[in-house]
Protein backbone atom coordinates (compact mmCIF):
# COMPACT_ATOMS: atom_id res chain seq x y z
CA UNK A 1 16.41 -36.26 15.66
CA UNK A 2 15.33 -32.64 15.39
CA UNK A 3 17.65 -30.93 17.82
CA UNK A 4 21.04 -29.53 16.93
CA UNK A 5 23.18 -29.36 20.05
CA UNK A 6 25.56 -26.57 18.94
CA UNK A 7 22.66 -24.32 17.90
CA UNK A 8 20.72 -24.98 21.07
CA UNK A 9 23.74 -24.36 23.24
CA UNK A 10 24.40 -21.03 21.52
CA UNK A 11 20.81 -20.01 22.23
CA UNK A 12 21.34 -21.06 25.84
CA UNK A 13 24.52 -19.03 25.92
CA UNK A 14 22.62 -15.91 24.87
CA UNK A 15 20.09 -16.49 27.64
CA UNK A 16 22.82 -16.96 30.21
CA UNK A 17 25.10 -14.16 29.12
CA UNK A 18 23.32 -11.50 31.13
CA UNK A 19 24.13 -13.49 34.27
CA UNK A 20 27.82 -14.11 33.54
CA UNK A 21 29.90 -10.91 33.83
CA UNK A 22 33.07 -12.03 32.07
CA UNK A 23 35.38 -9.59 30.34
CA UNK A 24 34.02 -6.37 31.89
CA UNK A 25 35.81 -3.08 32.57
CA UNK A 26 38.11 -2.54 35.55
CA UNK A 27 39.52 0.53 37.39
CA UNK A 28 42.51 2.33 35.87
CA UNK A 29 44.93 0.99 38.49
CA UNK A 30 43.74 -2.62 38.10
CA UNK A 31 43.98 -5.20 35.35
CA UNK A 32 41.23 -7.81 35.57
CA UNK A 33 41.77 -11.36 34.33
CA UNK A 34 38.41 -13.00 33.78
CA UNK A 35 38.42 -16.80 33.81
CA UNK A 36 35.67 -19.15 32.66
CA UNK A 37 36.47 -22.48 34.26
CA UNK A 38 35.03 -25.97 34.61
CA UNK A 39 33.03 -26.10 37.83
CA UNK A 40 34.61 -29.43 38.88
CA UNK A 41 37.56 -27.52 40.39
CA UNK A 42 35.50 -24.77 41.98
CA UNK A 43 36.46 -25.39 45.62
CA UNK A 44 40.19 -25.37 44.90
CA UNK A 45 40.13 -22.45 42.48
CA UNK A 46 38.00 -20.30 44.77
CA UNK A 47 40.43 -20.90 47.63
CA UNK A 48 43.59 -20.07 45.67
CA UNK A 49 41.99 -17.11 43.87
CA UNK A 50 40.97 -15.48 47.14
CA UNK A 51 44.52 -15.84 48.45
CA UNK A 52 46.01 -14.43 45.23
CA UNK A 53 43.69 -11.42 45.12
CA UNK A 54 44.49 -10.57 48.74
CA UNK A 55 48.22 -10.36 47.95
CA UNK A 56 47.84 -7.33 45.62
CA UNK A 57 50.25 -8.76 43.06
CA UNK A 58 51.12 -6.32 40.26
CA UNK A 59 52.06 -6.44 36.60
CA UNK A 60 55.37 -5.07 35.34
CA UNK A 61 53.53 -1.80 34.68
CA UNK A 62 52.51 -1.50 38.33
CA UNK A 63 48.85 -2.43 38.00
CA UNK A 64 47.20 -4.62 40.61
CA UNK A 65 46.00 -7.97 39.21
CA UNK A 66 42.42 -8.92 40.00
CA UNK A 67 41.23 -12.44 39.16
CA UNK A 68 37.53 -12.76 38.36
CA UNK A 69 36.80 -16.50 38.03
CA UNK A 70 33.36 -17.83 37.06
CA UNK A 71 32.45 -21.55 37.14
CA UNK A 72 30.64 -22.77 34.04
CA UNK A 73 30.08 -26.09 32.34
CA UNK A 74 32.98 -26.80 29.98
CA UNK A 75 30.84 -27.12 26.86
CA UNK A 76 28.58 -24.30 27.94
CA UNK A 77 31.48 -21.88 28.35
CA UNK A 78 32.89 -22.87 24.95
CA UNK A 79 29.58 -22.18 23.23
CA UNK A 80 29.30 -18.80 24.94
CA UNK A 81 32.81 -17.84 23.84
CA UNK A 82 32.06 -18.87 20.26
CA UNK A 83 28.79 -16.92 20.35
CA UNK A 84 30.57 -13.84 21.72
CA UNK A 85 28.33 -13.59 24.76
CA UNK A 86 31.26 -13.88 27.17
CA UNK A 87 34.80 -12.66 26.54
CA UNK A 88 37.11 -14.19 29.15
CA UNK A 89 40.83 -13.74 29.21
CA UNK A 90 41.33 -17.39 30.19
CA UNK A 91 39.30 -20.48 29.45
CA UNK A 92 39.91 -23.53 31.65
CA UNK A 93 37.59 -26.41 30.75
CA UNK A 94 37.70 -29.72 32.55
CA UNK A 95 39.52 -31.41 29.69
CA UNK A 96 41.77 -30.68 26.75
CA UNK A 97 39.42 -32.82 24.64
CA UNK A 98 37.54 -29.63 23.88
CA UNK A 99 40.56 -27.73 22.58
CA UNK A 100 40.56 -29.18 19.03
CA UNK A 101 36.81 -28.58 18.91
CA UNK A 102 37.32 -24.96 20.02
CA UNK A 103 40.06 -24.33 17.46
CA UNK A 104 38.12 -25.96 14.64
CA UNK A 105 34.95 -23.94 15.27
CA UNK A 106 36.79 -20.68 15.97
CA UNK A 107 38.92 -21.12 12.87
CA UNK A 108 35.88 -21.74 10.68
CA UNK A 109 34.51 -18.33 11.67
CA UNK A 110 37.84 -16.46 11.86
CA UNK A 111 39.80 -17.28 8.68
CA UNK A 112 41.55 -20.27 10.20
CA UNK A 113 42.80 -18.44 13.30
CA UNK A 114 43.60 -20.52 16.40
CA UNK A 115 41.71 -19.68 19.59
CA UNK A 116 43.83 -21.83 21.92
CA UNK A 117 47.58 -22.29 21.65
CA UNK A 118 49.65 -23.43 24.59
CA UNK A 119 47.35 -24.62 27.37
CA UNK A 120 49.20 -26.41 30.17
CA UNK A 121 47.18 -28.45 32.68
CA UNK A 122 46.83 -26.94 36.15
CA UNK A 123 45.43 -30.02 37.98
CA UNK A 124 44.69 -33.60 36.95
CA UNK A 125 41.98 -36.15 37.68
CA UNK A 126 41.43 -39.30 35.61
CA UNK A 127 37.96 -40.13 34.35
CA UNK A 128 36.84 -43.30 36.15
CA UNK A 129 33.84 -45.53 36.64
CA UNK A 130 32.76 -45.11 40.25
CA UNK A 131 31.27 -48.36 41.58
CA UNK A 132 30.20 -49.67 44.94
CA UNK A 133 33.01 -51.83 46.28
CA UNK A 134 30.89 -54.99 46.87
CA UNK A 135 29.59 -54.79 43.31
CA UNK A 136 33.09 -54.27 41.91
CA UNK A 137 34.31 -57.31 43.84
CA UNK A 138 31.40 -59.37 42.50
CA UNK A 139 32.71 -58.57 38.99
CA UNK A 140 36.22 -59.74 39.96
CA UNK A 141 37.84 -56.46 41.03
CA UNK A 142 40.62 -55.88 42.04
CA UNK A 143 42.18 -59.11 40.75
CA UNK A 144 40.43 -58.73 37.41
CA UNK A 145 40.39 -55.41 35.61
CA UNK A 146 36.99 -54.14 34.48
CA UNK A 147 36.29 -52.24 31.29
CA UNK A 148 33.64 -50.85 28.99
CA UNK A 149 33.23 -54.24 27.31
CA UNK A 150 32.21 -55.74 30.66
CA UNK A 151 29.50 -53.12 31.05
CA UNK A 152 28.25 -53.78 27.52
CA UNK A 153 28.20 -57.53 28.14
CA UNK A 154 26.42 -57.07 31.46
CA UNK A 155 23.60 -55.10 29.84
CA UNK A 156 23.13 -57.31 26.76
CA UNK A 157 23.53 -60.76 28.28
CA UNK A 158 20.34 -60.56 30.27
CA UNK A 159 22.32 -61.13 33.45
CA UNK A 160 21.40 -59.45 36.70
CA UNK A 161 23.28 -59.31 39.96
CA UNK A 162 21.58 -62.62 40.80
CA UNK A 163 23.91 -64.27 38.27
CA UNK A 164 26.80 -63.09 40.42
CA UNK A 165 25.23 -64.42 43.61
CA UNK A 166 23.47 -61.24 44.76
CA UNK A 167 19.78 -61.30 43.79
CA UNK A 168 19.07 -58.59 46.35
CA UNK A 169 20.91 -56.04 44.17
CA UNK A 170 18.48 -56.28 41.26
CA UNK A 171 19.67 -55.13 37.82
CA UNK A 172 22.83 -53.28 36.83
CA UNK A 173 22.16 -49.53 36.71
CA UNK A 174 24.57 -47.11 35.10
CA UNK A 175 24.85 -43.37 34.54
CA UNK A 176 26.88 -40.79 32.66
CA UNK A 177 26.26 -37.16 31.81
CA UNK A 178 24.98 -35.72 28.54
CA UNK A 179 27.85 -35.37 26.03
CA UNK A 180 26.45 -32.14 24.57
CA UNK A 181 26.83 -30.41 27.93
CA UNK A 182 29.37 -32.22 30.06
CA UNK A 183 33.03 -33.14 29.71
CA UNK A 184 32.59 -36.48 31.49
CA UNK A 185 29.80 -37.33 29.05
CA UNK A 186 32.07 -36.65 26.07
CA UNK A 187 34.91 -38.69 27.52
CA UNK A 188 32.50 -41.55 28.26
CA UNK A 189 31.32 -41.96 24.68
CA UNK A 190 34.81 -41.42 23.23
CA UNK A 191 36.15 -44.17 25.47
CA UNK A 192 33.32 -46.46 24.32
CA UNK A 193 34.19 -45.77 20.67
CA UNK A 194 37.85 -46.57 21.33
CA UNK A 195 36.90 -49.79 23.17
CA UNK A 196 34.61 -50.85 20.34
CA UNK A 197 37.56 -50.63 17.93
CA UNK A 198 40.22 -52.09 20.27
CA UNK A 199 42.27 -48.91 19.91
CA UNK A 200 43.92 -46.46 22.25
CA UNK A 201 44.87 -43.90 19.58
CA UNK A 202 44.34 -43.24 15.90
CA UNK A 203 40.54 -43.39 16.06
CA UNK A 204 39.06 -42.40 12.69
CA UNK A 205 35.67 -41.33 11.41
CA UNK A 206 35.51 -44.64 9.51
CA UNK A 207 36.04 -46.49 12.81
CA UNK A 208 33.22 -44.57 14.43
CA UNK A 209 30.85 -45.18 11.54
CA UNK A 210 31.30 -48.96 11.66
CA UNK A 211 27.98 -50.61 12.63
CA UNK A 212 29.81 -52.46 15.41
CA UNK A 213 30.78 -49.15 17.06
CA UNK A 214 27.19 -47.96 17.16
CA UNK A 215 26.06 -51.33 18.51
CA UNK A 216 28.68 -51.20 21.27
CA UNK A 217 27.62 -47.70 22.32
CA UNK A 218 23.97 -48.76 22.25
CA UNK A 219 24.72 -51.81 24.39
CA UNK A 220 26.30 -49.70 27.12
CA UNK A 221 23.44 -47.19 26.96
CA UNK A 222 20.88 -49.88 27.77
CA UNK A 223 21.76 -49.75 31.46
CA UNK A 224 21.58 -45.94 31.67
CA UNK A 225 19.07 -44.63 34.22
CA UNK A 226 19.20 -41.09 32.80
CA UNK A 227 21.71 -38.50 31.57
CA UNK A 228 22.29 -35.01 32.97
CA UNK A 229 24.48 -31.93 32.67
CA UNK A 230 26.35 -32.28 35.96
CA UNK A 231 28.82 -34.96 37.01
CA UNK A 232 28.45 -33.64 40.55
CA UNK A 233 24.70 -34.36 40.47
CA UNK A 234 25.39 -38.01 39.68
CA UNK A 235 27.90 -38.17 42.52
CA UNK A 236 25.47 -36.63 45.00
CA UNK A 237 22.61 -38.90 43.94
CA UNK A 238 24.75 -42.04 43.99
CA UNK A 239 26.39 -41.30 47.35
CA UNK A 240 23.22 -40.17 49.13
CA UNK A 241 20.73 -42.68 47.68
CA UNK A 242 22.97 -45.73 47.70
CA UNK A 243 23.35 -48.84 45.52
CA UNK A 244 19.64 -49.17 44.75
CA UNK A 245 19.79 -45.94 42.74
CA UNK A 246 23.02 -46.46 40.79
CA UNK A 247 25.40 -49.38 40.50
CA UNK A 248 28.05 -47.28 38.80
CA UNK A 249 28.56 -43.91 37.14
CA UNK A 250 31.24 -42.17 35.11
CA UNK A 251 32.84 -39.39 37.10
CA UNK A 252 36.20 -37.98 38.12
CA UNK A 253 38.59 -39.61 40.55
CA UNK A 254 38.43 -36.60 42.87
CA UNK A 255 34.69 -37.22 43.36
CA UNK A 256 35.38 -40.78 44.48
CA UNK A 257 37.85 -39.38 47.01
CA UNK A 258 35.16 -36.91 48.09
CA UNK A 259 32.77 -39.78 48.84
CA UNK A 260 34.94 -40.60 51.87
CA UNK A 261 34.35 -37.12 53.30
CA UNK A 262 31.99 -37.86 56.19
CA UNK A 263 31.14 -34.19 56.65
CA UNK A 264 29.73 -34.20 53.12
CA UNK A 265 28.29 -37.73 53.08
CA UNK A 266 27.66 -38.65 56.72
CA UNK A 267 25.29 -41.54 55.98
CA UNK A 268 27.35 -43.32 53.31
CA UNK A 269 27.60 -46.87 54.59
CA UNK A 270 29.07 -48.69 51.58
CA UNK A 271 32.51 -47.90 50.18
CA UNK A 272 32.97 -46.62 46.63
CA UNK A 273 35.95 -47.51 44.43
CA UNK A 274 37.32 -46.06 41.22
CA UNK A 275 37.44 -48.43 38.25
CA UNK A 276 40.09 -47.42 35.71
CA UNK A 277 38.75 -49.04 32.50
CA UNK A 278 41.18 -51.59 31.17
CA UNK A 279 40.69 -50.34 27.59
CA UNK A 280 41.91 -46.93 28.71
CA UNK A 281 40.60 -43.58 29.87
CA UNK A 282 41.27 -39.85 29.64
CA UNK A 283 42.75 -37.32 31.98
CA UNK A 284 40.50 -34.54 33.08
CA UNK A 285 43.53 -32.24 32.75
CA UNK A 286 42.01 -28.80 33.29
CA UNK A 287 44.03 -26.84 30.70
CA UNK A 288 44.72 -23.15 31.31
CA UNK A 289 44.19 -21.44 27.97
CA UNK A 290 44.96 -17.74 27.57
CA UNK A 291 42.76 -17.03 24.58
CA UNK A 292 44.11 -15.76 21.28
CA UNK A 293 41.09 -13.49 20.96
CA UNK A 294 40.88 -9.80 19.99
CA UNK A 295 39.45 -8.77 23.34
CA UNK A 296 42.50 -10.03 25.29
CA UNK A 297 45.00 -7.19 25.79
CA UNK A 298 48.76 -7.58 26.21
CA UNK A 299 48.36 -6.38 29.79
CA UNK A 300 45.74 -9.02 30.53
CA UNK A 301 47.90 -11.65 28.89
CA UNK A 302 50.84 -10.75 31.15
CA UNK A 303 48.61 -10.85 34.23
CA UNK A 304 47.13 -14.18 33.15
CA UNK A 305 50.64 -15.67 32.85
CA UNK A 306 51.46 -14.44 36.36
CA UNK A 307 48.34 -16.13 37.75
CA UNK A 308 49.04 -19.32 35.79
CA UNK A 309 52.53 -19.52 37.27
CA UNK A 310 51.03 -18.92 40.71
CA UNK A 311 48.62 -21.85 40.25
CA UNK A 312 51.50 -24.10 39.21
CA UNK A 313 53.67 -23.13 42.18
CA UNK A 314 54.19 -25.92 44.69
CA UNK A 315 51.99 -24.51 47.54
CA UNK A 316 48.93 -24.25 45.28
CA UNK A 317 49.63 -27.65 43.73
CA UNK A 318 49.88 -29.21 47.17
CA UNK A 319 46.64 -27.50 48.12
CA UNK A 320 44.96 -29.10 45.09
CA UNK A 321 45.72 -32.50 46.62
CA UNK A 322 43.49 -31.68 49.57
CA UNK A 323 40.57 -31.34 47.15
CA UNK A 324 41.27 -34.76 45.63
CA UNK A 325 43.13 -33.56 42.53
CA UNK A 326 46.49 -34.79 41.34
CA UNK A 327 49.09 -32.04 40.92
CA UNK A 328 49.95 -31.03 37.38
CA UNK A 329 53.50 -30.49 38.62
CA UNK A 330 55.20 -33.90 38.46
CA UNK A 331 57.64 -32.78 41.18
CA UNK A 332 54.82 -32.70 43.73
CA UNK A 333 54.33 -36.28 44.95
CA UNK A 334 50.86 -37.79 45.01
CA UNK A 335 49.82 -38.40 48.59
CA UNK A 336 46.74 -38.44 50.82
CA UNK A 337 43.88 -38.23 50.20
CA UNK A 338 44.67 -39.97 46.87
CA UNK A 339 45.31 -43.31 48.57
CA UNK A 340 43.74 -46.80 48.34
CA UNK A 341 41.92 -46.24 51.62
CA UNK A 342 39.82 -43.68 49.75
CA UNK A 343 38.92 -46.06 46.94
CA UNK A 344 41.48 -44.87 44.39
CA UNK A 345 44.78 -46.14 42.99
CA UNK A 346 47.58 -43.56 42.59
CA UNK A 347 49.41 -45.92 40.20
CA UNK A 348 46.53 -45.74 37.72
CA UNK A 349 45.59 -45.12 34.98
CA UNK A 350 47.90 -47.45 33.11
CA UNK A 351 46.40 -46.82 29.67
CA UNK A 352 45.56 -43.36 28.39
CA UNK A 353 43.51 -42.68 25.30
CA UNK A 354 44.62 -40.20 22.67
CA UNK A 355 42.49 -37.11 22.12
CA UNK A 356 41.03 -37.49 18.60
CA UNK A 357 40.39 -34.77 16.06
CA UNK A 358 37.37 -32.49 16.18
CA UNK A 359 35.94 -34.37 13.19
CA UNK A 360 36.15 -37.70 15.03
CA UNK A 361 34.65 -36.20 18.20
CA UNK A 362 31.70 -34.91 16.16
CA UNK A 363 31.22 -38.36 14.59
CA UNK A 364 31.17 -40.03 18.02
CA UNK A 365 28.64 -37.50 19.30
CA UNK A 366 26.41 -38.24 16.31
CA UNK A 367 26.71 -41.99 16.90
CA UNK A 368 25.65 -41.46 20.50
CA UNK A 369 22.60 -39.42 19.40
CA UNK A 370 21.56 -42.33 17.17
CA UNK A 371 22.13 -44.97 19.86
CA UNK A 372 21.28 -43.21 23.13
CA UNK A 373 18.56 -44.44 25.42
CA UNK A 374 15.13 -43.06 24.56
CA UNK A 375 12.71 -41.36 26.93
CA UNK A 376 9.03 -41.54 27.79
CA UNK A 377 8.08 -38.22 29.38
CA UNK A 378 4.76 -36.77 30.48
CA UNK A 379 4.73 -32.99 30.74
CA UNK A 380 2.32 -31.70 33.40
CA UNK A 381 1.53 -28.02 32.88
CA UNK A 382 -0.28 -25.69 35.26
CA UNK A 383 -2.94 -23.73 33.34
CA UNK A 384 -4.81 -22.45 36.42
CA UNK A 385 -5.93 -18.85 36.66
CA UNK A 386 -2.74 -17.74 38.42
CA UNK A 387 -0.80 -18.53 35.24
CA UNK A 388 -2.24 -15.35 33.69
CA UNK A 389 -0.05 -13.24 35.97
CA UNK A 390 3.22 -11.80 34.57
CA UNK A 391 2.58 -13.52 31.25
CA UNK A 392 3.53 -16.82 32.90
CA UNK A 393 1.58 -19.13 30.62
CA UNK A 394 2.70 -17.53 27.35
CA UNK A 395 6.36 -17.80 28.41
CA UNK A 396 5.83 -21.39 29.54
CA UNK A 397 4.19 -22.33 26.22
CA UNK A 398 7.12 -20.97 24.21
CA UNK A 399 9.62 -22.77 26.43
CA UNK A 400 7.69 -26.03 26.26
CA UNK A 401 7.67 -25.86 22.46
CA UNK A 402 11.46 -25.47 22.50
CA UNK A 403 11.75 -28.41 24.91
CA UNK A 404 9.77 -30.62 22.52
CA UNK A 405 12.05 -29.62 19.65
CA UNK A 406 14.96 -31.19 21.55
CA UNK A 407 13.32 -34.61 21.66
CA UNK A 408 13.65 -37.19 18.90
CA UNK A 409 10.87 -38.72 16.85
CA UNK A 410 11.33 -42.04 18.68
CA UNK A 411 10.96 -40.43 22.10
CA UNK A 412 7.54 -40.75 23.73
CA UNK A 413 5.77 -37.67 25.07
CA UNK A 414 2.42 -36.91 26.65
CA UNK A 415 0.94 -33.58 27.75
CA UNK A 416 -1.49 -33.13 30.64
CA UNK A 417 -2.74 -29.72 31.80
CA UNK A 418 -4.54 -28.87 34.99
CA UNK A 419 -6.63 -26.11 36.49
CA UNK A 420 -9.57 -27.19 38.61
CA UNK A 421 -9.41 -30.50 36.76
CA UNK A 422 -6.81 -32.44 34.79
CA UNK A 423 -7.05 -32.81 31.01
CA UNK A 424 -4.93 -35.13 28.89
CA UNK A 425 -4.19 -32.90 25.89
CA UNK A 426 -2.04 -35.54 24.21
CA UNK A 427 -1.53 -39.14 25.41
CA UNK A 428 1.89 -40.71 25.82
CA UNK A 429 3.03 -41.90 22.38
CA UNK A 430 5.95 -41.41 19.97
CA UNK A 431 6.55 -37.76 19.22
CA UNK A 432 7.29 -38.10 15.50
CA UNK A 433 3.72 -38.82 14.47
CA UNK A 434 2.24 -35.87 16.33
CA UNK A 435 4.96 -33.22 16.61
CA UNK A 436 3.14 -30.56 14.57
CA UNK A 437 -0.25 -31.23 16.16
CA UNK A 438 1.20 -31.10 19.67
CA UNK A 439 2.90 -27.77 19.01
CA UNK A 440 -0.38 -26.38 17.69
CA UNK A 441 -2.27 -27.56 20.77
CA UNK A 442 0.29 -25.98 23.08
CA UNK A 443 -0.12 -22.67 21.27
CA UNK A 444 -3.87 -22.73 21.93
CA UNK A 445 -3.73 -23.25 25.72
CA UNK A 446 -5.19 -20.60 28.04
CA UNK A 447 -5.42 -20.14 31.81
CA UNK A 448 -8.47 -20.75 34.02
CA UNK A 449 -9.62 -22.41 37.22
CA UNK A 450 -8.03 -23.49 40.50
CA UNK A 451 -4.90 -25.60 41.02
CA UNK A 452 -5.16 -29.41 41.10
CA UNK A 453 -1.45 -30.18 40.98
CA UNK A 454 -0.63 -33.10 43.29
CA UNK A 455 -3.41 -35.40 42.14
CA UNK A 456 -2.52 -34.65 38.50
CA UNK A 457 1.13 -35.52 39.10
CA UNK A 458 0.06 -38.78 40.77
CA UNK A 459 -2.07 -39.67 37.74
CA UNK A 460 0.78 -38.97 35.32
CA UNK A 461 3.07 -41.09 37.49
CA UNK A 462 0.55 -43.95 37.41
CA UNK A 463 0.39 -43.77 33.60
CA UNK A 464 4.17 -44.03 33.30
CA UNK A 465 4.19 -46.86 35.83
CA UNK A 466 2.42 -49.00 33.24
CA UNK A 467 5.45 -48.69 30.93
CA UNK A 468 8.15 -51.41 31.26
CA UNK A 469 10.89 -50.51 33.73
CA UNK A 470 14.40 -50.06 32.37
CA UNK A 471 13.67 -50.07 28.65
CA UNK A 472 13.42 -46.28 28.48
CA UNK A 473 14.10 -43.31 30.72
CA UNK A 474 10.77 -42.45 32.34
CA UNK A 475 10.05 -38.97 33.64
CA UNK A 476 7.35 -36.51 34.62
CA UNK A 477 8.15 -32.81 34.13
CA UNK A 478 5.89 -30.56 36.21
CA UNK A 479 5.58 -26.78 35.88
CA UNK A 480 3.48 -25.04 38.51
CA UNK A 481 3.51 -22.44 41.27
CA UNK A 482 2.68 -25.35 43.57
CA UNK A 483 -0.22 -23.50 45.21
CA UNK A 484 -2.45 -26.57 45.20
CA UNK A 485 -6.02 -25.85 46.36
CA UNK A 486 -7.96 -28.60 44.59
CA UNK A 487 -6.30 -31.98 45.28
CA UNK A 488 -7.52 -34.43 47.94
CA UNK A 489 -6.50 -33.57 51.54
CA UNK A 490 -4.10 -36.49 51.91
CA UNK A 491 -2.74 -36.31 48.35
CA UNK A 492 0.72 -35.01 49.26
CA UNK A 493 1.47 -37.77 51.75
CA UNK A 494 0.15 -40.45 49.39
CA UNK A 495 2.28 -39.19 46.48
CA UNK A 496 5.45 -38.87 48.56
CA UNK A 497 4.98 -42.37 49.96
CA UNK A 498 4.65 -43.78 46.43
CA UNK A 499 7.77 -41.96 45.24
CA UNK A 500 9.86 -42.92 48.27
CA UNK A 501 8.84 -46.56 48.01
CA UNK A 502 10.36 -46.74 44.53
CA UNK A 503 14.07 -46.03 45.13
CA UNK A 504 15.29 -47.96 42.11
CA UNK A 505 17.46 -45.98 39.70
CA UNK A 506 15.17 -46.90 36.80
CA UNK A 507 12.15 -45.56 38.67
CA UNK A 508 10.17 -42.62 37.32
CA UNK A 509 11.84 -39.28 37.97
CA UNK A 510 9.62 -36.28 38.67
CA UNK A 511 11.32 -33.01 37.72
CA UNK A 512 9.54 -29.98 39.12
CA UNK A 513 9.70 -26.31 38.18
CA UNK A 514 8.61 -23.82 40.86
CA UNK A 515 7.30 -21.21 38.47
CA UNK A 516 6.67 -17.57 39.23
CA UNK A 517 7.76 -14.99 41.77
CA UNK A 518 6.71 -14.06 45.27
CA UNK A 519 5.44 -15.90 48.30
CA UNK A 520 2.62 -17.61 46.38
CA UNK A 521 5.10 -20.12 44.89
CA UNK A 522 5.27 -23.28 47.03
CA UNK A 523 8.90 -24.18 46.39
CA UNK A 524 9.09 -26.55 49.36
CA UNK A 525 6.27 -28.78 48.10
CA UNK A 526 7.73 -29.01 44.61
CA UNK A 527 11.19 -29.76 46.02
CA UNK A 528 9.84 -32.55 48.22
CA UNK A 529 8.20 -34.19 45.21
CA UNK A 530 11.28 -34.07 42.99
CA UNK A 531 13.75 -35.14 45.67
CA UNK A 532 11.53 -38.06 46.73
CA UNK A 533 11.77 -39.37 43.16
CA UNK A 534 15.54 -38.84 42.78
CA UNK A 535 15.16 -35.91 40.39
CA UNK A 536 15.83 -32.16 40.62
CA UNK A 537 13.69 -29.13 41.31
CA UNK A 538 14.18 -25.75 39.67
CA UNK A 539 12.96 -22.25 40.40
CA UNK A 540 12.16 -19.98 37.49
CA UNK A 541 10.66 -16.65 36.58
CA UNK A 542 8.91 -16.34 33.20
CA UNK A 543 12.05 -14.81 31.72
CA UNK A 544 14.24 -17.82 32.52
CA UNK A 545 11.86 -20.71 31.89
CA UNK A 546 13.27 -21.69 28.50
CA UNK A 547 16.70 -22.15 30.07
CA UNK A 548 15.19 -24.38 32.78
CA UNK A 549 13.45 -26.64 30.26
CA UNK A 550 16.76 -26.95 28.40
CA UNK A 551 18.52 -28.03 31.58
CA UNK A 552 15.90 -30.69 32.20
CA UNK A 553 16.31 -31.90 28.62
CA UNK A 554 19.94 -32.79 29.38
CA UNK A 555 18.66 -35.73 31.45
CA UNK A 556 17.20 -37.26 28.29
């Protein structure tokens, strides 16, 4: 495996830093508390922050407190803090699991200093396996508890839903986010490592390095449809596309509650329930960490404490309930919407897993890298004449080279370019044997001709369709301005019909990048293609394209 997640994330942090104004200056009569927080609690935190800022609360020195809160991925924000590209007063990731990692990495670069000391939780939500209620009942729920071992057995036994009396459901299809980017992804693989060793605490590096642990993780990964950086994306895809797309996914309890919101999911016809794994799970405890960093002033620290106490006051804790979170204040009773009618159990979880050391977390992440599901991906790159504008092609070539560096030798990759015609630059085959040659070929590409995009995408899709379904993640990644002027007249309708006819979660995902600026970029066409396949579309200028390719890589 060639990629190094911490290094890549630091590079990503540098790219993002210009867009994330954390730790800036404030007027003389104001003290600004900048907060980098896990985006899972965005709706609640935005609501309470607006109310707080409107109250003109002051410090003991008479300065008005202004809260400037920015949602970021938990791992992403940590890497940016460590890289020095953001300097928040407060860091509030989705889970305290990252705190030992933060302290270990900060201490290594700062003579053993501790970045995070006291960090009380401000809201709670257990990590659960969200599953369609009929499927959960077929596995014996609620009379029989379900756990990670059941998922591993289901994927290795060769059983399908037909073995449980429901042939119409096909195969079991599972999803969790990428551990290098997402808190729920980290908690997923840590819980698997604990389950593989029949432990709830005291997990060691030796435990993780046992062959049986790697085998257990690999067994669960077999049913993965793809990874991703966003737990919310999995929730949206599962709740809008239905059981044919995903049987189950790791997410937070509050997202299961949200599935019952008919304003958000008006067409959801099948109920979702939260499975609390019998081997144990973690709290997504949203710690509030006032950083022990040189850029945090005493005045900011005082203001941050005032805001922390405000968040923990009963009215704000009760408000958190309305967004599906459990209050961190034990004196605030759990009530609606955290009720069985919304697919959750307020008496759970019964077994909590202990947060291991940073060393153990790193060992589990490495085991996952070795045992994750592999990908077959065909990159489709627009090299038409319009790609000469704004240095588009040169930027795209550099970004594509970085994307390839993130793939492993066992991953399959193909490259097809198109102008007036399509050319297979490199056929779909394992990357390891051709990595250097492929990078050289990318460097030699130049722009010419018209734009034959849709037909080229259809041909790449047909090539991947010949690969066995379910054994690997299969994807097409398309970069183009979408201004197709060379494909057959009915090509768009034919492609969309093919994509929509294949709703299965293991179907080929077509990620599209609407590349360039101005009205010549056909964002709508590219979005229709990606959404029809169950993937995502992105918009990018040449300056941001490397970041976009990195985001797509999180799905693999």
